[in-house]
Amino acid sequence: MTLLQYTTVSKQLEQLHRLASVHITGAKRTAPTAALEIITGIVPLAVHIKREAMAACFCLKANFQ
């Protein structure tokens, strides 16, 4: 996957994440994404991806020891 494709997919996922937050809360489209994530208790997508990557690395490291 090229950097351009990764960036496009990343932006699309962020938009979907935001849209879900807006619909869950019933907020207006102009509401800040960070506020919606706090209200819903949804972890920001970038944080979730990093958390999953770190967990996978930990499992791999534990299996090789």
N, C-alpha and C. Protein backbone atom coordinates (compact mmCIF):
# COMPACT_ATOMS: atom_id res chain seq x y z
N MET A 1 0.86 -1.17 0.00
CA MET A 1 0.00 0.00 0.00
C MET A 1 0.90 1.23 0.00
N THR A 2 0.63 2.13 -0.91
CA THR A 2 1.44 3.34 -1.00
C THR A 2 1.02 4.34 0.07
N LEU A 3 1.86 5.31 0.28
CA LEU A 3 1.58 6.34 1.28
C LEU A 3 0.30 7.09 0.94
N LEU A 4 0.07 7.35 -0.35
CA LEU A 4 -1.14 8.05 -0.77
C LEU A 4 -2.38 7.23 -0.44
N GLN A 5 -2.33 5.93 -0.70
CA GLN A 5 -3.47 5.07 -0.39
C GLN A 5 -3.70 5.01 1.12
N TYR A 6 -2.62 4.91 1.89
CA TYR A 6 -2.71 4.87 3.35
C TYR A 6 -3.36 6.15 3.87
N THR A 7 -2.93 7.29 3.34
CA THR A 7 -3.48 8.58 3.76
C THR A 7 -4.96 8.67 3.42
N THR A 8 -5.34 8.22 2.24
CA THR A 8 -6.74 8.26 1.82
C THR A 8 -7.60 7.38 2.72
N VAL A 9 -7.15 6.17 2.97
CA VAL A 9 -7.90 5.26 3.83
C VAL A 9 -7.99 5.81 5.24
N SER A 10 -6.90 6.38 5.73
CA SER A 10 -6.88 6.96 7.07
C SER A 10 -7.90 8.08 7.19
N LYS A 11 -7.95 8.95 6.21
CA LYS A 11 -8.91 10.06 6.24
C LYS A 11 -10.34 9.54 6.19
N GLN A 12 -10.58 8.52 5.37
CA GLN A 12 -11.92 7.95 5.27
C GLN A 12 -12.35 7.32 6.59
N LEU A 13 -11.44 6.63 7.25
CA LEU A 13 -11.76 6.02 8.54
C LEU A 13 -12.04 7.09 9.59
N GLU A 14 -11.26 8.17 9.58
CA GLU A 14 -11.50 9.27 10.51
C GLU A 14 -12.87 9.89 10.29
N GLN A 15 -13.25 10.06 9.02
CA GLN A 15 -14.55 10.64 8.71
C GLN A 15 -15.68 9.72 9.19
N LEU A 16 -15.51 8.42 8.98
CA LEU A 16 -16.51 7.46 9.43
C LEU A 16 -16.61 7.45 10.95
N HIS A 17 -15.48 7.52 11.61
CA HIS A 17 -15.41 7.57 13.07
C HIS A 17 -16.17 8.81 13.58
N ARG A 18 -15.94 9.93 12.95
CA ARG A 18 -16.61 11.17 13.34
C ARG A 18 -18.10 11.09 13.08
N LEU A 19 -18.47 10.56 11.92
CA LEU A 19 -19.89 10.43 11.58
C LEU A 19 -20.62 9.56 12.60
N ALA A 20 -19.99 8.48 13.00
CA ALA A 20 -20.59 7.61 14.02
C ALA A 20 -20.77 8.36 15.33
N SER A 21 -19.77 9.13 15.72
CA SER A 21 -19.86 9.91 16.96
C SER A 21 -20.98 10.93 16.90
N VAL A 22 -21.13 11.59 15.75
CA VAL A 22 -22.19 12.59 15.59
C VAL A 22 -23.56 11.91 15.70
N HIS A 23 -23.72 10.77 15.07
CA HIS A 23 -25.02 10.09 15.10
C HIS A 23 -25.32 9.50 16.48
N ILE A 24 -24.32 9.00 17.15
CA ILE A 24 -24.53 8.45 18.49
C ILE A 24 -25.01 9.53 19.45
N THR A 25 -24.39 10.71 19.38
CA THR A 25 -24.71 11.78 20.33
C THR A 25 -25.90 12.62 19.88
N GLY A 26 -26.17 12.63 18.60
CA GLY A 26 -27.22 13.50 18.09
C GLY A 26 -26.77 14.94 18.00
N ALA A 27 -25.46 15.15 18.05
CA ALA A 27 -24.90 16.50 18.01
C ALA A 27 -24.97 17.07 16.59
N LYS A 28 -24.73 18.36 16.50
CA LYS A 28 -24.68 19.01 15.19
C LYS A 28 -23.35 18.70 14.52
N ARG A 29 -23.31 18.89 13.20
CA ARG A 29 -22.09 18.59 12.44
C ARG A 29 -20.91 19.44 12.85
N THR A 30 -21.17 20.59 13.45
CA THR A 30 -20.09 21.52 13.80
C THR A 30 -19.45 21.20 15.16
N ALA A 31 -19.96 20.20 15.86
CA ALA A 31 -19.39 19.85 17.17
C ALA A 31 -17.97 19.32 16.99
N PRO A 32 -17.07 19.70 17.89
CA PRO A 32 -15.68 19.24 17.78
C PRO A 32 -15.57 17.72 17.96
N THR A 33 -14.72 17.10 17.17
CA THR A 33 -14.54 15.65 17.22
C THR A 33 -14.07 15.20 18.60
N ALA A 34 -13.12 15.93 19.17
CA ALA A 34 -12.59 15.55 20.49
C ALA A 34 -13.70 15.55 21.54
N ALA A 35 -14.58 16.52 21.48
CA ALA A 35 -15.69 16.58 22.44
C ALA A 35 -16.63 15.40 22.26
N LEU A 36 -16.91 15.05 21.01
CA LEU A 36 -17.79 13.91 20.73
C LEU A 36 -17.17 12.61 21.25
N GLU A 37 -15.86 12.47 21.08
CA GLU A 37 -15.18 11.25 21.56
C GLU A 37 -15.23 11.16 23.08
N ILE A 38 -15.11 12.28 23.75
CA ILE A 38 -15.19 12.28 25.21
C ILE A 38 -16.60 11.94 25.68
N ILE A 39 -17.59 12.54 25.05
CA ILE A 39 -18.98 12.29 25.43
C ILE A 39 -19.36 10.82 25.23
N THR A 40 -18.95 10.25 24.11
CA THR A 40 -19.32 8.86 23.80
C THR A 40 -18.41 7.85 24.47
N GLY A 41 -17.24 8.30 24.90
CA GLY A 41 -16.28 7.37 25.49
C GLY A 41 -15.53 6.55 24.46
N ILE A 42 -15.59 7.00 23.22
CA ILE A 42 -14.90 6.31 22.13
C ILE A 42 -13.45 6.79 22.10
N VAL A 43 -12.53 5.85 22.04
CA VAL A 43 -11.10 6.17 21.97
C VAL A 43 -10.80 6.70 20.57
N PRO A 44 -10.00 7.77 20.46
CA PRO A 44 -9.62 8.26 19.14
C PRO A 44 -8.98 7.15 18.30
N LEU A 45 -9.26 7.16 17.02
CA LEU A 45 -8.83 6.09 16.13
C LEU A 45 -7.31 5.90 16.14
N ALA A 46 -6.57 6.99 16.12
CA ALA A 46 -5.10 6.90 16.11
C ALA A 46 -4.59 6.24 17.39
N VAL A 47 -5.20 6.54 18.51
CA VAL A 47 -4.81 5.94 19.79
C VAL A 47 -5.14 4.45 19.80
N HIS A 48 -6.30 4.10 19.29
CA HIS A 48 -6.71 2.70 19.24
C HIS A 48 -5.76 1.88 18.37
N ILE A 49 -5.38 2.41 17.22
CA ILE A 49 -4.47 1.70 16.32
C ILE A 49 -3.11 1.50 16.98
N LYS A 50 -2.59 2.53 17.63
CA LYS A 50 -1.30 2.40 18.31
C LYS A 50 -1.37 1.40 19.46
N ARG A 51 -2.48 1.41 20.19
CA ARG A 51 -2.66 0.47 21.30
C ARG A 51 -2.67 -0.98 20.80
N GLU A 52 -3.37 -1.22 19.70
CA GLU A 52 -3.44 -2.57 19.14
C GLU A 52 -2.08 -3.01 18.60
N ALA A 53 -1.36 -2.09 17.98
CA ALA A 53 -0.02 -2.41 17.46
C ALA A 53 0.94 -2.76 18.60
N MET A 54 0.86 -2.01 19.69
CA MET A 54 1.73 -2.28 20.84
C MET A 54 1.39 -3.63 21.47
N ALA A 55 0.10 -3.95 21.55
CA ALA A 55 -0.31 -5.24 22.10
C ALA A 55 0.18 -6.39 21.23
N ALA A 56 0.12 -6.22 19.92
CA ALA A 56 0.60 -7.25 19.00
C ALA A 56 2.11 -7.45 19.15
N CYS A 57 2.85 -6.33 19.27
CA CYS A 57 4.31 -6.43 19.46
C CYS A 57 4.64 -7.13 20.77
N PHE A 58 3.89 -6.83 21.81
CA PHE A 58 4.12 -7.46 23.11
C PHE A 58 3.89 -8.97 23.00
N CYS A 59 2.83 -9.36 22.32
CA CYS A 59 2.54 -10.80 22.16
C CYS A 59 3.64 -11.49 21.37
N LEU A 60 4.09 -10.85 20.30
CA LEU A 60 5.16 -11.44 19.50
C LEU A 60 6.44 -11.57 20.31
N LYS A 61 6.76 -10.56 21.06
CA LYS A 61 7.97 -10.58 21.89
C LYS A 61 7.86 -11.68 22.96
N ALA A 62 6.70 -11.81 23.57
CA ALA A 62 6.50 -12.82 24.61
C ALA A 62 6.60 -14.23 24.04
N ASN A 63 6.16 -14.42 22.80
CA ASN A 63 6.20 -15.75 22.17
C ASN A 63 7.60 -16.15 21.76
N PHE A 64 8.49 -15.19 21.53
CA PHE A 64 9.84 -15.50 21.09
C PHE A 64 10.82 -15.64 22.26
N GLN A 65 10.35 -15.45 23.47
CA GLN A 65 11.26 -15.57 24.62
C GLN A 65 11.11 -16.91 25.26
